[in-house]
Amino acid sequence: MTTIYFVRHAHSSYTPDELKRPLSPAGLSDAEQVTKILQNEPINVAISSPYKRAVQTIAGISEHFNIPIREEVELRERLLSAYPLEDFEIAVRTVWEDPSFSWPGGESNKEAQRRGVNCLLHLLEQYEGKSIVIGTHGNIMALIMQHFDPKYDFAFWQSLSMPDIYKLVFSQHTLLSVERLWEVKNNEVSLAWSLRT
């Protein structure tokens, strides 16, 4: 079995530079919670989108397990448009309703999903039998998961928190199970922390 821990990045401070946008103070605090949640999991490999906010969200896990973070450009967030869009949520809803549609200069769901899934399949082959944490983004994560199960749709994307953690177990290329760790485990960590202090 190969285990994937998808970690959607924590809250970031807005800058026009998509690649170098950092986590906000709240995001950095939540990234510490991500580390606490995953520190007892048997993680062997750390992979991330090259975007700074994704790398920062799993940096604590990398340090805890003393493993380097390998950046995978194909796990970057989907490019919705090369130009500003008037209403972000309507723009996202539109591409989910028509997987072949793309805004000017942007990626369709099909295009973004294809690159994300191809990358994941390659990782499943390369690290078969390992446990892999992946720092990534909401749209591309949902699109990859949808490839294996259509229930991961626009409504699923809307339900994601920032950060969020999903544990996926695979047998080769077959998805066996999905478990959300962020909400339940974060509450457990917070309770245990409050009881100690």
N, C-alpha and C. Protein backbone atom coordinates (compact mmCIF):
# COMPACT_ATOMS: atom_id res chain seq x y z
N MET A 1 0.83 -1.19 0.00
CA MET A 1 0.00 0.00 0.00
C MET A 1 0.88 1.26 0.00
N THR A 2 0.42 2.26 -0.67
CA THR A 2 1.11 3.55 -0.69
C THR A 2 0.13 4.59 -0.13
N THR A 3 0.62 5.39 0.80
CA THR A 3 -0.23 6.39 1.45
C THR A 3 0.18 7.79 1.03
N ILE A 4 -0.82 8.56 0.63
CA ILE A 4 -0.62 9.96 0.25
C ILE A 4 -1.32 10.84 1.29
N TYR A 5 -0.59 11.79 1.85
CA TYR A 5 -1.19 12.80 2.72
C TYR A 5 -1.22 14.11 1.94
N PHE A 6 -2.37 14.43 1.38
CA PHE A 6 -2.51 15.70 0.69
C PHE A 6 -2.70 16.80 1.74
N VAL A 7 -1.84 17.80 1.71
CA VAL A 7 -1.96 18.94 2.64
C VAL A 7 -2.23 20.19 1.82
N ARG A 8 -3.47 20.67 1.91
CA ARG A 8 -3.75 21.95 1.28
C ARG A 8 -3.08 23.04 2.12
N HIS A 9 -2.44 23.99 1.46
CA HIS A 9 -1.67 25.00 2.16
C HIS A 9 -2.53 25.82 3.13
N ALA A 10 -1.88 26.38 4.13
CA ALA A 10 -2.54 27.24 5.11
C ALA A 10 -2.77 28.64 4.52
N HIS A 11 -3.41 29.49 5.30
CA HIS A 11 -3.75 30.84 4.84
C HIS A 11 -2.48 31.63 4.48
N SER A 12 -2.55 32.34 3.36
CA SER A 12 -1.37 33.10 2.91
C SER A 12 -1.67 34.59 2.89
N SER A 13 -0.61 35.38 2.94
CA SER A 13 -0.71 36.84 2.82
C SER A 13 -0.70 37.19 1.35
N TYR A 14 -1.72 37.90 0.89
CA TYR A 14 -1.82 38.14 -0.55
C TYR A 14 -0.68 39.00 -1.07
N THR A 15 -0.09 38.54 -2.16
CA THR A 15 0.84 39.33 -2.96
C THR A 15 0.55 38.97 -4.42
N PRO A 16 0.86 39.85 -5.36
CA PRO A 16 0.62 39.51 -6.76
C PRO A 16 1.54 38.42 -7.29
N ASP A 17 2.62 38.13 -6.56
CA ASP A 17 3.56 37.09 -6.98
C ASP A 17 3.05 35.74 -6.49
N GLU A 18 2.40 35.00 -7.38
CA GLU A 18 1.78 33.72 -7.02
C GLU A 18 2.80 32.73 -6.49
N LEU A 19 3.99 32.72 -7.08
CA LEU A 19 5.00 31.74 -6.71
C LEU A 19 5.56 31.98 -5.31
N LYS A 20 5.75 33.24 -4.95
CA LYS A 20 6.44 33.55 -3.69
C LYS A 20 5.52 34.03 -2.58
N ARG A 21 4.20 33.93 -2.77
CA ARG A 21 3.26 34.39 -1.75
C ARG A 21 3.45 33.57 -0.47
N PRO A 22 3.75 34.23 0.67
CA PRO A 22 4.05 33.48 1.89
C PRO A 22 2.81 33.23 2.74
N LEU A 23 2.95 32.36 3.72
CA LEU A 23 1.89 32.16 4.70
C LEU A 23 1.74 33.41 5.56
N SER A 24 0.52 33.67 5.97
CA SER A 24 0.25 34.75 6.93
C SER A 24 0.63 34.28 8.33
N PRO A 25 0.66 35.17 9.33
CA PRO A 25 0.91 34.72 10.71
C PRO A 25 -0.05 33.61 11.14
N ALA A 26 -1.32 33.74 10.80
CA ALA A 26 -2.29 32.69 11.14
C ALA A 26 -1.96 31.40 10.40
N GLY A 27 -1.53 31.54 9.13
CA GLY A 27 -1.16 30.37 8.35
C GLY A 27 0.04 29.64 8.93
N LEU A 28 1.02 30.40 9.39
CA LEU A 28 2.21 29.78 10.01
C LEU A 28 1.82 29.03 11.27
N SER A 29 0.90 29.59 12.05
CA SER A 29 0.42 28.91 13.26
C SER A 29 -0.30 27.61 12.91
N ASP A 30 -1.14 27.66 11.87
CA ASP A 30 -1.84 26.45 11.44
C ASP A 30 -0.88 25.41 10.87
N ALA A 31 0.19 25.86 10.23
CA ALA A 31 1.18 24.92 9.70
C ALA A 31 1.83 24.14 10.85
N GLU A 32 1.99 24.77 12.01
CA GLU A 32 2.51 24.05 13.18
C GLU A 32 1.54 22.95 13.60
N GLN A 33 0.23 23.24 13.49
CA GLN A 33 -0.78 22.22 13.81
C GLN A 33 -0.71 21.06 12.82
N VAL A 34 -0.46 21.37 11.55
CA VAL A 34 -0.30 20.32 10.55
C VAL A 34 0.82 19.37 10.96
N THR A 35 1.94 19.95 11.40
CA THR A 35 3.07 19.13 11.83
C THR A 35 2.69 18.26 13.02
N LYS A 36 1.98 18.82 13.99
CA LYS A 36 1.58 18.05 15.16
C LYS A 36 0.66 16.89 14.79
N ILE A 37 -0.22 17.13 13.83
CA ILE A 37 -1.15 16.08 13.40
C ILE A 37 -0.42 14.94 12.71
N LEU A 38 0.60 15.27 11.90
CA LEU A 38 1.26 14.26 11.08
C LEU A 38 2.55 13.72 11.67
N GLN A 39 2.97 14.23 12.80
CA GLN A 39 4.28 13.84 13.33
C GLN A 39 4.35 12.37 13.76
N ASN A 40 3.20 11.75 14.00
CA ASN A 40 3.21 10.33 14.39
C ASN A 40 2.84 9.40 13.24
N GLU A 41 2.68 9.97 12.04
CA GLU A 41 2.43 9.15 10.86
C GLU A 41 3.79 8.68 10.30
N PRO A 42 3.81 7.54 9.63
CA PRO A 42 5.10 6.98 9.14
C PRO A 42 5.52 7.60 7.81
N ILE A 43 5.81 8.89 7.81
CA ILE A 43 6.09 9.60 6.55
C ILE A 43 7.54 9.40 6.12
N ASN A 44 7.71 9.00 4.86
CA ASN A 44 9.05 8.74 4.29
C ASN A 44 9.49 9.80 3.29
N VAL A 45 8.51 10.45 2.64
CA VAL A 45 8.81 11.31 1.50
C VAL A 45 8.01 12.60 1.62
N ALA A 46 8.62 13.73 1.27
CA ALA A 46 7.94 15.03 1.27
C ALA A 46 8.02 15.64 -0.13
N ILE A 47 6.87 15.93 -0.70
CA ILE A 47 6.77 16.52 -2.03
C ILE A 47 5.94 17.79 -1.90
N SER A 48 6.22 18.80 -2.72
CA SER A 48 5.41 20.01 -2.67
C SER A 48 5.31 20.68 -4.02
N SER A 49 4.21 21.38 -4.19
CA SER A 49 4.13 22.39 -5.24
C SER A 49 5.28 23.37 -5.00
N PRO A 50 5.81 24.00 -6.04
CA PRO A 50 6.90 24.96 -5.83
C PRO A 50 6.46 26.27 -5.20
N TYR A 51 5.15 26.49 -5.04
CA TYR A 51 4.67 27.73 -4.47
C TYR A 51 5.05 27.80 -2.99
N LYS A 52 5.54 28.96 -2.56
CA LYS A 52 6.09 29.12 -1.22
C LYS A 52 5.10 28.73 -0.14
N ARG A 53 3.82 29.09 -0.30
CA ARG A 53 2.84 28.81 0.74
C ARG A 53 2.63 27.31 0.94
N ALA A 54 2.76 26.53 -0.13
CA ALA A 54 2.63 25.08 -0.01
C ALA A 54 3.87 24.48 0.65
N VAL A 55 5.04 24.95 0.25
CA VAL A 55 6.29 24.47 0.86
C VAL A 55 6.32 24.80 2.36
N GLN A 56 5.94 26.03 2.71
CA GLN A 56 5.96 26.43 4.11
C GLN A 56 5.00 25.59 4.97
N THR A 57 3.88 25.18 4.39
CA THR A 57 2.89 24.44 5.16
C THR A 57 3.41 23.07 5.58
N ILE A 58 4.29 22.45 4.79
CA ILE A 58 4.82 21.14 5.17
C ILE A 58 6.29 21.21 5.63
N ALA A 59 6.82 22.42 5.79
CA ALA A 59 8.22 22.56 6.19
C ALA A 59 8.49 21.92 7.55
N GLY A 60 7.54 22.05 8.48
CA GLY A 60 7.72 21.45 9.80
C GLY A 60 7.77 19.94 9.75
N ILE A 61 7.02 19.35 8.85
CA ILE A 61 7.04 17.89 8.69
C ILE A 61 8.39 17.46 8.15
N SER A 62 8.90 18.21 7.17
CA SER A 62 10.22 17.94 6.61
C SER A 62 11.29 17.97 7.71
N GLU A 63 11.21 18.98 8.57
CA GLU A 63 12.18 19.10 9.66
C GLU A 63 12.02 17.98 10.68
N HIS A 64 10.77 17.65 11.02
CA HIS A 64 10.52 16.62 12.04
C HIS A 64 11.08 15.27 11.61
N PHE A 65 10.87 14.91 10.35
CA PHE A 65 11.32 13.60 9.86
C PHE A 65 12.71 13.65 9.23
N ASN A 66 13.29 14.87 9.18
CA ASN A 66 14.61 15.05 8.59
C ASN A 66 14.66 14.52 7.15
N ILE A 67 13.66 14.93 6.37
CA ILE A 67 13.62 14.54 4.96
C ILE A 67 13.49 15.82 4.12
N PRO A 68 14.17 15.87 2.99
CA PRO A 68 14.09 17.07 2.14
C PRO A 68 12.74 17.17 1.45
N ILE A 69 12.36 18.38 1.09
CA ILE A 69 11.14 18.60 0.31
C ILE A 69 11.52 18.65 -1.16
N ARG A 70 10.96 17.75 -1.93
CA ARG A 70 11.17 17.74 -3.38
C ARG A 70 10.03 18.52 -4.02
N GLU A 71 10.35 19.51 -4.81
CA GLU A 71 9.32 20.32 -5.46
C GLU A 71 8.91 19.70 -6.81
N GLU A 72 7.61 19.66 -7.02
CA GLU A 72 7.05 19.13 -8.27
C GLU A 72 6.19 20.22 -8.90
N VAL A 73 6.63 20.77 -10.00
CA VAL A 73 5.93 21.88 -10.63
C VAL A 73 4.53 21.47 -11.10
N GLU A 74 4.33 20.19 -11.40
CA GLU A 74 3.03 19.74 -11.89
C GLU A 74 1.96 19.74 -10.79
N LEU A 75 2.37 19.93 -9.54
CA LEU A 75 1.42 19.99 -8.43
C LEU A 75 1.06 21.43 -8.06
N ARG A 76 1.49 22.38 -8.89
CA ARG A 76 1.13 23.78 -8.66
C ARG A 76 -0.38 23.95 -8.79
N GLU A 77 -0.89 25.06 -8.25
CA GLU A 77 -2.32 25.32 -8.38
C GLU A 77 -2.69 25.55 -9.84
N ARG A 78 -3.93 25.18 -10.16
CA ARG A 78 -4.40 25.39 -11.53
C ARG A 78 -4.43 26.88 -11.84
N LEU A 79 -4.04 27.23 -13.04
CA LEU A 79 -4.10 28.61 -13.48
C LEU A 79 -5.52 28.86 -14.00
N LEU A 80 -6.28 29.66 -13.26
CA LEU A 80 -7.67 29.90 -13.64
C LEU A 80 -7.75 30.83 -14.85
N SER A 81 -6.94 31.88 -14.84
CA SER A 81 -6.93 32.83 -15.95
C SER A 81 -5.63 33.62 -15.91
N ALA A 82 -5.20 34.06 -17.07
CA ALA A 82 -4.01 34.91 -17.12
C ALA A 82 -4.36 36.36 -16.82
N TYR A 83 -5.66 36.64 -16.67
CA TYR A 83 -6.12 38.01 -16.46
C TYR A 83 -7.06 38.06 -15.23
N PRO A 84 -7.19 39.21 -14.60
CA PRO A 84 -8.10 39.32 -13.45
C PRO A 84 -9.53 38.98 -13.84
N LEU A 85 -10.21 38.25 -12.95
CA LEU A 85 -11.60 37.88 -13.17
C LEU A 85 -12.48 38.60 -12.16
N GLU A 86 -13.67 39.00 -12.61
CA GLU A 86 -14.53 39.84 -11.78
C GLU A 86 -15.01 39.12 -10.52
N ASP A 87 -15.41 37.86 -10.66
CA ASP A 87 -15.94 37.10 -9.53
C ASP A 87 -15.25 35.74 -9.51
N PHE A 88 -14.35 35.55 -8.55
CA PHE A 88 -13.53 34.34 -8.49
C PHE A 88 -14.39 33.09 -8.36
N GLU A 89 -15.37 33.11 -7.44
CA GLU A 89 -16.15 31.90 -7.21
C GLU A 89 -16.99 31.52 -8.42
N ILE A 90 -17.57 32.49 -9.09
CA ILE A 90 -18.33 32.20 -10.32
C ILE A 90 -17.39 31.65 -11.39
N ALA A 91 -16.19 32.21 -11.46
CA ALA A 91 -15.20 31.74 -12.44
C ALA A 91 -14.83 30.28 -12.18
N VAL A 92 -14.65 29.94 -10.91
CA VAL A 92 -14.31 28.56 -10.57
C VAL A 92 -15.50 27.64 -10.84
N ARG A 93 -16.70 28.08 -10.44
CA ARG A 93 -17.89 27.26 -10.69
C ARG A 93 -18.04 26.95 -12.18
N THR A 94 -17.76 27.93 -13.02
CA THR A 94 -17.91 27.76 -14.47
C THR A 94 -17.00 26.66 -15.00
N VAL A 95 -15.74 26.63 -14.55
CA VAL A 95 -14.83 25.61 -15.07
C VAL A 95 -15.17 24.22 -14.53
N TRP A 96 -15.76 24.16 -13.33
CA TRP A 96 -16.18 22.86 -12.81
C TRP A 96 -17.43 22.36 -13.53
N GLU A 97 -18.30 23.28 -13.93
CA GLU A 97 -19.53 22.86 -14.64
C GLU A 97 -19.23 22.39 -16.05
N ASP A 98 -18.19 22.94 -16.66
CA ASP A 98 -17.78 22.53 -18.01
C ASP A 98 -16.29 22.23 -17.99
N PRO A 99 -15.92 20.95 -17.77
CA PRO A 99 -14.51 20.59 -17.60
C PRO A 99 -13.60 20.95 -18.77
N SER A 100 -14.17 21.17 -19.95
CA SER A 100 -13.35 21.52 -21.11
C SER A 100 -13.17 23.02 -21.28
N PHE A 101 -13.95 23.80 -20.53
CA PHE A 101 -13.90 25.26 -20.67
C PHE A 101 -12.69 25.83 -19.94
N SER A 102 -12.09 26.87 -20.54
CA SER A 102 -11.02 27.58 -19.84
C SER A 102 -11.18 29.08 -20.07
N TRP A 103 -10.85 29.85 -19.06
CA TRP A 103 -10.82 31.30 -19.19
C TRP A 103 -9.56 31.70 -19.97
N PRO A 104 -9.52 32.90 -20.54
CA PRO A 104 -8.38 33.31 -21.36
C PRO A 104 -7.04 33.12 -20.64
N GLY A 105 -6.19 32.34 -21.26
CA GLY A 105 -4.86 32.11 -20.70
C GLY A 105 -4.82 31.12 -19.56
N GLY A 106 -5.98 30.57 -19.19
CA GLY A 106 -6.05 29.65 -18.06
C GLY A 106 -6.16 28.19 -18.48
N GLU A 107 -6.25 27.32 -17.47
CA GLU A 107 -6.37 25.88 -17.71
C GLU A 107 -7.81 25.44 -17.50
N SER A 108 -8.26 24.53 -18.32
CA SER A 108 -9.55 23.89 -18.07
C SER A 108 -9.36 22.86 -16.96
N ASN A 109 -10.49 22.37 -16.41
CA ASN A 109 -10.39 21.30 -15.42
C ASN A 109 -9.68 20.08 -16.00
N LYS A 110 -10.00 19.76 -17.25
CA LYS A 110 -9.39 18.58 -17.87
C LYS A 110 -7.87 18.74 -17.98
N GLU A 111 -7.43 19.92 -18.38
CA GLU A 111 -5.98 20.14 -18.55
C GLU A 111 -5.26 20.08 -17.21
N ALA A 112 -5.81 20.77 -16.20
CA ALA A 112 -5.16 20.78 -14.88
C ALA A 112 -5.20 19.39 -14.26
N GLN A 113 -6.33 18.71 -14.40
CA GLN A 113 -6.46 17.37 -13.84
C GLN A 113 -5.47 16.41 -14.48
N ARG A 114 -5.30 16.51 -15.80
CA ARG A 114 -4.39 15.60 -16.50
C ARG A 114 -2.97 15.71 -15.96
N ARG A 115 -2.49 16.94 -15.82
CA ARG A 115 -1.10 17.09 -15.34
C ARG A 115 -0.96 16.65 -13.89
N GLY A 116 -1.97 16.96 -13.05
CA GLY A 116 -1.90 16.58 -11.65
C GLY A 116 -1.96 15.08 -11.46
N VAL A 117 -2.86 14.42 -12.18
CA VAL A 117 -3.00 12.96 -12.06
C VAL A 117 -1.76 12.26 -12.60
N ASN A 118 -1.24 12.71 -13.73
CA ASN A 118 -0.03 12.10 -14.27
C ASN A 118 1.12 12.18 -13.29
N CYS A 119 1.24 13.32 -12.61
CA CYS A 119 2.29 13.48 -11.61
C CYS A 119 2.07 12.51 -10.45
N LEU A 120 0.83 12.43 -9.96
CA LEU A 120 0.55 11.54 -8.83
C LEU A 120 0.81 10.08 -9.19
N LEU A 121 0.39 9.66 -10.37
CA LEU A 121 0.61 8.27 -10.79
C LEU A 121 2.10 7.95 -10.84
N HIS A 122 2.87 8.91 -11.31
CA HIS A 122 4.32 8.73 -11.34
C HIS A 122 4.89 8.57 -9.93
N LEU A 123 4.39 9.40 -9.00
CA LEU A 123 4.85 9.31 -7.61
C LEU A 123 4.45 7.98 -6.97
N LEU A 124 3.24 7.49 -7.29
CA LEU A 124 2.80 6.20 -6.75
C LEU A 124 3.69 5.07 -7.23
N GLU A 125 4.19 5.17 -8.45
CA GLU A 125 5.09 4.15 -8.97
C GLU A 125 6.49 4.30 -8.37
N GLN A 126 6.96 5.52 -8.29
CA GLN A 126 8.32 5.77 -7.81
C GLN A 126 8.47 5.44 -6.33
N TYR A 127 7.43 5.71 -5.54
CA TYR A 127 7.51 5.52 -4.09
C TYR A 127 6.52 4.48 -3.60
N GLU A 128 6.32 3.43 -4.37
CA GLU A 128 5.35 2.39 -4.00
C GLU A 128 5.69 1.82 -2.62
N GLY A 129 4.66 1.72 -1.78
CA GLY A 129 4.85 1.18 -0.43
C GLY A 129 5.27 2.21 0.59
N LYS A 130 5.48 3.46 0.17
CA LYS A 130 5.92 4.53 1.07
C LYS A 130 4.73 5.37 1.53
N SER A 131 5.00 6.26 2.48
CA SER A 131 4.01 7.26 2.93
C SER A 131 4.53 8.63 2.52
N ILE A 132 3.74 9.35 1.74
CA ILE A 132 4.19 10.58 1.11
C ILE A 132 3.31 11.75 1.53
N VAL A 133 3.92 12.80 2.06
CA VAL A 133 3.17 14.02 2.33
C VAL A 133 3.34 14.95 1.13
N ILE A 134 2.24 15.54 0.66
CA ILE A 134 2.27 16.41 -0.51
C ILE A 134 1.67 17.75 -0.15
N GLY A 135 2.47 18.81 -0.22
CA GLY A 135 1.98 20.17 -0.02
C GLY A 135 1.40 20.68 -1.33
N THR A 136 0.11 21.01 -1.31
CA THR A 136 -0.53 21.37 -2.57
C THR A 136 -1.62 22.42 -2.37
N HIS A 137 -2.58 22.48 -3.30
CA HIS A 137 -3.57 23.55 -3.35
C HIS A 137 -4.97 22.96 -3.53
N GLY A 138 -5.99 23.75 -3.20
CA GLY A 138 -7.34 23.25 -3.17
C GLY A 138 -7.88 22.73 -4.50
N ASN A 139 -7.77 23.54 -5.56
CA ASN A 139 -8.34 23.13 -6.84
C ASN A 139 -7.64 21.92 -7.42
N ILE A 140 -6.32 21.93 -7.46
CA ILE A 140 -5.60 20.81 -8.08
C ILE A 140 -5.77 19.55 -7.25
N MET A 141 -5.82 19.67 -5.92
CA MET A 141 -6.04 18.51 -5.07
C MET A 141 -7.41 17.89 -5.34
N ALA A 142 -8.45 18.73 -5.41
CA ALA A 142 -9.80 18.23 -5.67
C ALA A 142 -9.88 17.58 -7.05
N LEU A 143 -9.23 18.17 -8.03
CA LEU A 143 -9.26 17.61 -9.39
C LEU A 143 -8.57 16.25 -9.44
N ILE A 144 -7.45 16.12 -8.74
CA ILE A 144 -6.76 14.82 -8.70
C ILE A 144 -7.66 13.78 -8.04
N MET A 145 -8.25 14.14 -6.91
CA MET A 145 -9.11 13.20 -6.19
C MET A 145 -10.34 12.84 -7.03
N GLN A 146 -10.86 13.79 -7.80
CA GLN A 146 -12.03 13.52 -8.64
C GLN A 146 -11.74 12.47 -9.71
N HIS A 147 -10.50 12.43 -10.17
CA HIS A 147 -10.13 11.41 -11.16
C HIS A 147 -10.42 10.01 -10.63
N PHE A 148 -10.23 9.81 -9.34
CA PHE A 148 -10.43 8.49 -8.74
C PHE A 148 -11.85 8.29 -8.22
N ASP A 149 -12.55 9.37 -7.93
CA ASP A 149 -13.93 9.27 -7.43
C ASP A 149 -14.66 10.57 -7.77
N PRO A 150 -15.71 10.50 -8.60
CA PRO A 150 -16.39 11.72 -9.05
C PRO A 150 -17.08 12.52 -7.96
N LYS A 151 -17.21 11.97 -6.76
CA LYS A 151 -17.86 12.73 -5.69
C LYS A 151 -17.02 13.92 -5.24
N TYR A 152 -15.75 13.95 -5.58
CA TYR A 152 -14.89 15.08 -5.23
C TYR A 152 -15.07 16.16 -6.31
N ASP A 153 -16.07 16.98 -6.11
CA ASP A 153 -16.53 17.93 -7.12
C ASP A 153 -16.40 19.38 -6.63
N PHE A 154 -17.11 20.28 -7.28
CA PHE A 154 -17.06 21.69 -6.90
C PHE A 154 -17.49 21.90 -5.46
N ALA A 155 -18.54 21.20 -5.03
CA ALA A 155 -19.01 21.33 -3.64
C ALA A 155 -17.94 20.85 -2.66
N PHE A 156 -17.22 19.80 -3.03
CA PHE A 156 -16.12 19.33 -2.20
C PHE A 156 -15.05 20.42 -2.07
N TRP A 157 -14.68 21.01 -3.21
CA TRP A 157 -13.68 22.09 -3.18
C TRP A 157 -14.15 23.21 -2.25
N GLN A 158 -15.43 23.57 -2.34
CA GLN A 158 -15.96 24.63 -1.49
C GLN A 158 -15.87 24.28 0.00
N SER A 159 -15.95 23.00 0.31
CA SER A 159 -15.95 22.56 1.71
C SER A 159 -14.56 22.50 2.34
N LEU A 160 -13.53 22.64 1.53
CA LEU A 160 -12.17 22.52 2.04
C LEU A 160 -11.82 23.68 2.97
N SER A 161 -11.08 23.36 4.02
CA SER A 161 -10.56 24.41 4.89
C SER A 161 -9.13 24.74 4.47
N MET A 162 -8.56 25.71 5.11
CA MET A 162 -7.21 26.17 4.76
C MET A 162 -6.42 26.34 6.06
N PRO A 163 -5.56 25.36 6.41
CA PRO A 163 -5.16 24.19 5.64
C PRO A 163 -6.19 23.07 5.75
N ASP A 164 -5.89 21.98 5.07
CA ASP A 164 -6.70 20.78 5.17
C ASP A 164 -5.78 19.59 4.91
N ILE A 165 -6.18 18.43 5.42
CA ILE A 165 -5.35 17.23 5.25
C ILE A 165 -6.25 16.06 4.88
N TYR A 166 -5.92 15.39 3.79
CA TYR A 166 -6.63 14.18 3.38
C TYR A 166 -5.63 13.04 3.22
N LYS A 167 -5.96 11.92 3.83
CA LYS A 167 -5.12 10.72 3.76
C LYS A 167 -5.73 9.76 2.75
N LEU A 168 -5.00 9.45 1.69
CA LEU A 168 -5.46 8.55 0.64
C LEU A 168 -4.57 7.31 0.63
N VAL A 169 -5.18 6.14 0.63
CA VAL A 169 -4.43 4.89 0.59
C VAL A 169 -4.66 4.23 -0.77
N PHE A 170 -3.56 3.87 -1.43
CA PHE A 170 -3.61 3.28 -2.76
C PHE A 170 -2.99 1.88 -2.75
N SER A 171 -3.55 1.02 -3.60
CA SER A 171 -2.89 -0.22 -3.99
C SER A 171 -2.52 -0.03 -5.45
N GLN A 172 -1.24 0.19 -5.71
CA GLN A 172 -0.76 0.61 -7.03
C GLN A 172 -1.53 1.86 -7.47
N HIS A 173 -2.34 1.79 -8.54
CA HIS A 173 -3.07 2.98 -8.99
C HIS A 173 -4.52 3.00 -8.53
N THR A 174 -4.90 2.06 -7.67
CA THR A 174 -6.29 1.96 -7.22
C THR A 174 -6.46 2.63 -5.87
N LEU A 175 -7.38 3.58 -5.79
CA LEU A 175 -7.66 4.27 -4.53
C LEU A 175 -8.54 3.37 -3.66
N LEU A 176 -8.05 3.07 -2.45
CA LEU A 176 -8.77 2.19 -1.55
C LEU A 176 -9.59 2.94 -0.51
N SER A 177 -9.03 4.04 0.00
CA SER A 177 -9.74 4.76 1.07
C SER A 177 -9.29 6.21 1.13
N VAL A 178 -10.19 7.05 1.66
CA VAL A 178 -9.91 8.48 1.87
C VAL A 178 -10.37 8.85 3.27
N GLU A 179 -9.52 9.55 4.01
CA GLU A 179 -9.86 9.98 5.37
C GLU A 179 -9.43 11.43 5.55
N ARG A 180 -10.33 12.26 6.04
CA ARG A 180 -9.96 13.64 6.35
C ARG A 180 -9.34 13.68 7.74
N LEU A 181 -8.15 14.24 7.86
CA LEU A 181 -7.46 14.29 9.14
C LEU A 181 -7.53 15.66 9.81
N TRP A 182 -7.65 16.73 9.04
CA TRP A 182 -7.49 18.07 9.62
C TRP A 182 -8.50 18.37 10.72
N GLU A 183 -9.78 18.22 10.42
CA GLU A 183 -10.82 18.66 11.36
C GLU A 183 -10.78 17.84 12.65
N VAL A 184 -10.80 16.52 12.54
CA VAL A 184 -10.84 15.65 13.72
C VAL A 184 -9.52 15.73 14.47
N LYS A 185 -8.42 15.53 13.77
CA LYS A 185 -7.12 15.49 14.43
C LYS A 185 -6.73 16.85 15.00
N ASN A 186 -7.10 17.92 14.30
CA ASN A 186 -6.77 19.25 14.81
C ASN A 186 -7.50 19.51 16.13
N ASN A 187 -8.75 19.06 16.21
CA ASN A 187 -9.49 19.21 17.46
C ASN A 187 -8.85 18.39 18.57
N GLU A 188 -8.36 17.19 18.24
CA GLU A 188 -7.69 16.35 19.24
C GLU A 188 -6.40 17.00 19.72
N VAL A 189 -5.61 17.53 18.76
CA VAL A 189 -4.35 18.19 19.12
C VAL A 189 -4.63 19.41 19.99
N SER A 190 -5.62 20.21 19.60
CA SER A 190 -5.94 21.42 20.35
C SER A 190 -6.39 21.08 21.77
N LEU A 191 -7.21 20.02 21.90
CA LEU A 191 -7.68 19.62 23.22
C LEU A 191 -6.53 19.14 24.08
N ALA A 192 -5.67 18.29 23.50
CA ALA A 192 -4.52 17.78 24.26
C ALA A 192 -3.60 18.91 24.68
N TRP A 193 -3.42 19.89 23.79
CA TRP A 193 -2.56 21.03 24.11
C TRP A 193 -3.14 21.87 25.25
N SER A 194 -4.45 22.07 25.20
CA SER A 194 -5.11 22.89 26.24
C SER A 194 -5.08 22.19 27.59
N LEU A 195 -5.14 20.87 27.59
CA LEU A 195 -5.09 20.11 28.84
C LEU A 195 -3.71 20.15 29.48
N ARG A 196 -2.69 20.32 28.64
CA ARG A 196 -1.32 20.35 29.16
C ARG A 196 -0.94 21.73 29.68
N THR A 197 -1.63 22.78 29.21
CA THR A 197 -1.21 24.14 29.54
C THR A 197 -2.18 24.79 30.51
